[in-house]
Protein backbone atom coordinates (compact mmCIF):
# COMPACT_ATOMS: atom_id res chain seq x y z
CA MET A 1 1.03 -196.54 94.40
CA GLY A 2 4.90 -198.26 92.98
CA SER A 3 3.29 -200.50 89.98
CA MET A 4 6.53 -202.98 89.25
CA PRO A 5 6.86 -203.14 85.07
CA HIS A 6 6.81 -206.73 83.72
CA ARG A 7 10.87 -206.61 83.81
CA ARG A 8 12.85 -205.13 86.31
CA PRO A 9 12.27 -201.07 86.87
CA HIS A 10 14.79 -199.66 84.54
CA ILE A 11 16.31 -196.45 86.97
CA VAL A 12 18.89 -193.83 85.85
CA CYS A 13 21.10 -191.48 87.57
CA LEU A 14 21.50 -188.32 86.33
CA GLY A 15 25.10 -188.25 86.92
CA THR A 16 28.00 -190.35 88.65
CA PRO A 17 26.32 -190.90 92.65
CA ARG A 18 30.26 -190.69 93.97
CA TYR A 19 29.50 -190.93 97.21
CA ALA A 20 26.69 -193.96 98.13
CA GLY A 21 29.05 -196.15 97.81
CA ALA A 22 30.33 -198.89 95.36
CA ASP A 23 28.90 -201.73 97.64
CA TYR A 24 25.32 -199.86 98.21
CA LEU A 25 25.05 -199.57 93.94
CA SER A 26 26.10 -203.13 93.34
CA ALA A 27 23.37 -204.14 95.98
CA PHE A 28 20.85 -202.01 94.52
CA SER A 29 22.07 -203.17 91.16
CA GLN A 30 20.76 -206.90 91.95
CA THR A 31 17.46 -205.43 92.00
CA PHE A 32 17.26 -202.99 89.40
CA GLU A 33 17.80 -202.48 86.00
CA TYR A 34 20.34 -199.47 86.88
CA SER A 35 22.43 -196.99 84.57
CA VAL A 36 23.84 -193.60 84.86
CA LEU A 37 22.77 -190.53 82.61
CA ASN A 38 26.33 -188.87 81.89
CA ALA A 39 24.95 -185.33 80.85
CA THR A 40 26.75 -182.53 82.71
CA ASN A 41 23.85 -180.13 81.65
CA ARG A 42 20.38 -178.91 80.73
CA ALA A 43 21.04 -179.31 76.59
CA GLU A 44 23.20 -183.09 77.23
CA THR A 45 20.50 -184.07 79.29
CA ILE A 46 17.87 -183.09 76.53
CA ALA A 47 19.31 -185.01 73.66
CA GLN A 48 20.93 -188.00 75.95
CA ILE A 49 17.34 -189.13 77.30
CA PRO A 50 16.24 -190.41 74.14
CA LEU A 51 19.50 -192.02 73.19
CA LEU A 52 18.90 -193.88 76.25
CA VAL A 53 15.55 -195.05 76.16
CA ALA A 54 16.61 -196.34 73.05
CA GLY A 55 19.40 -198.45 73.68
CA LYS A 56 17.97 -199.20 77.16
CA GLY A 57 14.41 -199.56 77.19
CA PRO A 58 11.84 -196.93 79.34
CA ILE A 59 13.28 -195.20 81.90
CA HIS A 60 11.25 -195.98 84.82
CA GLY A 61 12.80 -193.54 87.92
CA LEU A 62 15.05 -190.62 87.66
CA ILE A 63 17.97 -189.44 90.65
CA ILE A 64 18.74 -186.31 90.35
CA ARG A 65 21.74 -185.50 93.02
CA MET A 66 23.53 -182.36 94.47
CA GLY A 67 24.24 -179.89 92.18
CA THR A 68 21.07 -178.65 89.82
CA PRO A 69 21.73 -175.58 88.44
CA PRO A 70 23.03 -176.29 85.02
CA TYR A 71 20.04 -178.77 84.62
CA GLU A 72 17.11 -176.18 86.27
CA PRO A 73 14.25 -176.05 85.92
CA PHE A 74 13.28 -179.55 86.34
CA ASP A 75 10.46 -179.32 83.87
CA ALA A 76 8.67 -180.90 80.67
CA GLY A 77 11.32 -179.30 78.40
CA LEU A 78 13.88 -181.24 80.27
CA LEU A 79 12.12 -184.19 81.27
CA SER A 80 9.35 -184.82 79.00
CA GLY A 81 11.74 -187.56 77.48
CA LEU A 82 11.10 -190.00 80.30
CA LEU A 83 6.93 -190.57 79.48
CA PRO A 84 4.92 -192.26 79.37
CA HIS A 85 6.74 -194.90 81.39
CA VAL A 86 8.87 -192.47 84.50
CA LYS A 87 7.10 -193.32 87.56
CA ILE A 88 9.43 -191.55 90.14
CA ILE A 89 11.97 -188.65 90.10
CA ALA A 90 13.73 -188.38 93.59
CA SER A 91 16.00 -185.87 94.07
CA ALA A 92 18.74 -185.84 96.69
CA SER A 93 17.96 -181.80 97.30
CA ALA A 94 15.95 -180.37 100.24
CA GLY A 95 14.86 -177.71 98.05
CA TYR A 96 12.32 -178.02 95.26
CA ASN A 97 11.20 -174.83 94.14
CA LYS A 98 13.34 -175.40 90.91
CA PHE A 99 11.13 -179.03 90.28
CA ASP A 100 7.83 -178.16 88.41
CA GLY A 101 5.73 -180.50 90.50
CA ASP A 102 2.52 -179.39 88.90
CA TRP A 103 3.96 -181.10 85.94
CA MET A 104 4.95 -184.16 87.48
CA SER A 105 1.87 -184.57 89.14
CA ALA A 106 -0.40 -184.03 86.42
CA ASN A 107 1.75 -187.11 84.65
CA VAL A 108 1.23 -189.19 87.90
CA ILE A 109 4.91 -188.85 88.77
CA THR A 110 5.85 -189.26 92.38
CA PHE A 111 8.50 -186.50 93.74
CA CYS A 112 10.55 -187.17 96.85
CA ASN A 113 12.95 -184.78 98.09
CA SER A 114 15.33 -185.13 100.73
CA VAL A 115 14.33 -184.90 104.08
CA ASN A 116 17.01 -186.06 106.63
CA ALA A 117 20.40 -186.24 104.44
CA VAL A 118 21.43 -182.35 105.27
CA ALA A 119 20.12 -181.86 107.78
CA GLU A 120 22.72 -182.18 110.64
CA ALA A 121 25.65 -180.73 108.52
CA THR A 122 23.70 -177.50 107.63
CA ALA A 123 22.69 -177.25 111.09
CA ASP A 124 26.17 -177.63 112.06
CA MET A 125 26.95 -174.42 109.58
CA ALA A 126 24.66 -172.68 111.65
CA GLU A 127 25.97 -173.48 114.91
CA ARG A 128 29.46 -172.40 113.65
CA ALA A 129 28.32 -169.22 112.23
CA ALA A 130 26.08 -168.55 115.84
CA LYS A 131 29.66 -169.42 117.46
CA HIS A 132 31.56 -166.87 114.83
CA GLU A 133 29.52 -164.28 116.18
CA LEU A 134 29.50 -164.80 119.96
CA CYS A 135 33.11 -164.99 119.83
CA GLY A 136 33.54 -161.59 118.14
CA ALA A 137 36.25 -159.49 119.95
CA GLN A 138 34.38 -156.12 122.52
CA ARG A 139 37.00 -153.94 124.26
CA GLU A 140 36.14 -153.36 127.75
CA GLY A 141 37.83 -151.16 129.34
CA GLY A 142 41.16 -152.20 128.46
CA ASP A 143 40.45 -155.78 128.03
CA VAL A 144 39.07 -158.12 124.23
CA THR A 145 36.19 -160.31 125.32
CA GLY A 146 33.92 -162.75 123.27
CA ARG A 147 30.42 -163.72 124.59
CA ASP A 148 29.80 -166.61 126.55
CA PRO A 149 26.89 -168.82 125.50
CA ALA A 150 25.33 -170.01 128.85
CA GLY A 151 22.13 -168.18 129.65
CA LEU A 152 22.04 -166.34 125.98
CA THR A 153 18.47 -167.29 124.07
CA LEU A 154 18.28 -169.17 120.87
CA GLY A 155 15.73 -168.57 118.24
CA ILE A 156 14.90 -171.19 115.81
CA VAL A 157 12.43 -170.40 112.77
CA GLY A 158 11.10 -173.82 111.62
CA MET A 159 11.86 -177.04 113.88
CA GLY A 160 11.88 -179.67 111.59
CA GLY A 161 15.22 -181.57 110.70
CA ILE A 162 17.62 -178.73 111.05
CA GLY A 163 15.77 -176.78 113.51
CA LYS A 164 15.94 -180.07 115.96
CA HIS A 165 19.46 -181.06 115.21
CA LEU A 166 20.44 -177.24 116.21
CA ALA A 167 18.39 -176.68 119.18
CA LYS A 168 20.57 -180.19 119.99
CA LYS A 169 23.88 -178.89 119.99
CA ALA A 170 23.27 -174.96 121.33
CA THR A 171 21.77 -177.10 124.15
CA VAL A 172 25.30 -178.27 124.85
CA PHE A 173 26.41 -174.46 125.36
CA ASN A 174 23.51 -174.27 128.21
CA MET A 175 21.65 -172.02 126.11
CA ASN A 176 17.98 -171.25 126.62
CA ILE A 177 16.23 -172.51 123.12
CA ALA A 178 12.65 -170.48 121.85
CA TYR A 179 11.61 -171.97 119.04
CA HIS A 180 8.27 -171.40 115.96
CA ASN A 181 6.64 -173.65 114.12
CA ARG A 182 4.04 -173.95 111.65
CA THR A 183 2.85 -176.96 113.74
CA ARG A 184 3.87 -176.79 117.42
CA LEU A 185 5.71 -179.91 118.51
CA PRO A 186 4.28 -182.26 120.89
CA ALA A 187 5.52 -181.57 125.09
CA LEU A 188 7.53 -184.53 125.29
CA GLU A 189 8.88 -183.73 122.26
CA GLU A 190 10.02 -179.66 123.12
CA LYS A 191 11.35 -181.09 126.56
CA ALA A 192 13.32 -184.04 125.35
CA LEU A 193 14.65 -181.02 123.16
CA ASN A 194 14.54 -178.40 126.00
CA THR A 195 13.13 -175.59 124.23
CA THR A 196 9.66 -173.59 124.46
CA TYR A 197 7.46 -172.35 121.77
CA HIS A 198 6.69 -168.46 121.22
CA ASP A 199 4.04 -167.60 118.69
CA GLY A 200 6.03 -164.86 117.04
CA ALA A 201 7.82 -161.62 118.71
CA PHE A 202 7.64 -158.13 117.77
CA LEU A 203 9.26 -154.75 118.46
CA VAL A 204 6.00 -151.71 118.17
CA ASN A 205 7.48 -148.13 118.82
CA THR A 206 4.77 -145.70 119.16
CA ALA A 207 5.77 -143.07 121.33
CA ARG A 208 9.00 -141.18 119.15
CA GLY A 209 10.72 -142.68 116.85
CA ALA A 210 14.45 -141.66 117.95
CA ILE A 211 13.45 -143.44 120.52
CA VAL A 212 14.61 -146.30 118.89
CA ASP A 213 18.19 -146.51 117.68
CA GLU A 214 17.12 -147.65 113.64
CA TYR A 215 20.98 -148.72 112.97
CA ALA A 216 20.83 -150.63 115.94
CA LEU A 217 17.39 -152.59 115.13
CA LYS A 218 18.68 -153.33 111.59
CA GLU A 219 22.29 -154.89 113.29
CA ALA A 220 20.01 -157.07 115.51
CA LEU A 221 17.39 -158.27 112.73
CA VAL A 222 20.30 -159.87 110.34
CA ARG A 223 23.56 -162.12 111.38
CA GLY A 224 24.05 -165.09 109.71
CA LEU A 225 22.93 -166.32 106.11
CA ASP A 226 23.61 -169.85 104.35
CA VAL A 227 21.11 -168.89 101.74
CA LEU A 228 19.89 -165.46 99.99
CA CYS A 229 17.31 -164.73 96.93
CA ASP A 230 18.80 -165.11 93.18
CA GLU A 231 21.60 -166.94 94.02
CA PRO A 232 24.26 -166.95 93.09
CA GLY A 233 23.55 -162.97 91.95
CA ALA A 234 22.37 -161.63 95.91
CA ASP A 235 22.20 -158.81 96.74
CA THR A 236 25.41 -157.23 97.12
CA TRP A 237 23.95 -154.99 100.49
CA PHE A 238 24.09 -158.32 102.58
CA LEU A 239 28.17 -158.43 101.55
CA SER A 240 28.20 -154.70 102.37
CA GLN A 241 27.15 -155.10 106.12
CA GLU A 242 29.38 -155.29 108.87
CA ASN A 243 26.50 -157.05 110.91
CA VAL A 244 26.19 -159.70 108.20
CA VAL A 245 28.06 -163.29 107.97
CA VAL A 246 27.30 -164.39 104.57
CA GLN A 247 28.35 -168.30 103.43
CA PRO A 248 27.47 -168.86 99.28
CA HIS A 249 24.79 -171.82 100.51
CA LEU A 250 27.59 -174.32 102.14
CA GLY A 251 25.84 -175.74 104.59
CA ARG A 252 25.11 -179.29 103.02
CA LEU A 253 28.64 -179.44 101.59
CA THR A 254 29.79 -182.67 103.37
CA ASN A 255 31.05 -186.27 102.19
CA VAL A 256 28.80 -187.95 104.96
CA ALA A 257 25.44 -185.26 104.08
CA PHE A 258 26.65 -185.76 100.40
CA ARG A 259 26.11 -189.82 100.95
CA LYS A 260 22.86 -190.02 103.25
CA ALA A 261 21.40 -187.71 100.31
CA GLU A 262 21.95 -189.71 97.74
CA ARG A 263 21.34 -193.03 99.19
CA GLU A 264 17.92 -191.45 99.92
CA CYS A 265 17.31 -190.99 97.05
CA PHE A 266 17.84 -194.88 95.96
CA GLU A 267 16.09 -196.05 98.86
CA ASN A 268 12.82 -193.54 98.10
CA VAL A 269 13.31 -195.38 94.35
CA ARG A 270 13.77 -198.71 96.03
CA ALA A 271 10.35 -198.17 98.53
CA PHE A 272 8.37 -196.89 96.09
CA PHE A 273 8.75 -199.71 93.35
CA ASP A 274 8.84 -203.03 96.85
CA GLU A 275 6.73 -201.29 99.37
CA GLY A 276 4.42 -199.16 96.88
CA GLN A 277 5.14 -195.99 98.26
CA ALA A 278 8.46 -193.26 98.53
CA ARG A 279 10.03 -192.62 101.98
CA SER A 280 9.42 -188.53 101.55
CA PRO A 281 6.91 -188.38 98.84
CA VAL A 282 6.16 -184.21 98.44
CA ASN A 283 2.92 -184.80 95.59
CA ALA A 284 1.45 -187.76 96.90
CA GLU A 285 -1.79 -185.94 97.83
CA LYS A 286 -2.07 -184.69 94.23
CA VAL A 287 -1.05 -188.09 92.53
CA ARG A 288 -3.75 -190.00 94.26
CA LYS A 289 -6.22 -187.88 92.42
């Protein structure tokens, strides 16, 4: 639960939020003591946090914009200068594998990620990647043709914000949509998205190995990738495959997505202090304990 300090809560943004909007930030500053920490990397952040605290007082909330690699990981080594007054840390990123949630929970810090901000922009990217594959030219006799998406089945693994936006967009092309999710959607939502639930798909070959064209199997397994392990040092195997469309984790890189992400951070902070509960807490159960 958020607790209001005696003074206005001091909220600090790591770097200038360039997309939230001047009017929005001005309105936010009417309620909160708002500062920007102009640090561009991890070392600068560690050095500048104590200076900001000494000059403007304890920091009660930290906002972390997009573009986190120069600061990672977000752990005690980077953030311990915020203790003991910081109550909430809000990230504009959806993923939080570089954030030490256990350390935050142990210090009773609510941690929030961005849930909805980049979903549609990422779905747009996925749709474009799929259309790129469908529009690839095929030679049939003397003709060069693309593929008509109507009637094809699009499989979506993970029907969260991105998956739902993608399902809506694919419906426009008269595609059939099958999905798998850890938790099945309610029947009414499945109907609204025009999708059917599939609990996995398997290829089992017990006859002879040569019955399966293993090259074709590899070709079918991988098509479009926007994210890879160990970015930016991705496995170069993917870059050499003709059947793989690789993009540099750019699905979220739109001005609208960045504006939504920054504002979602500020709204998490606002809700935490005004209502006692952030909008998208990742570690709420652990903090309560």
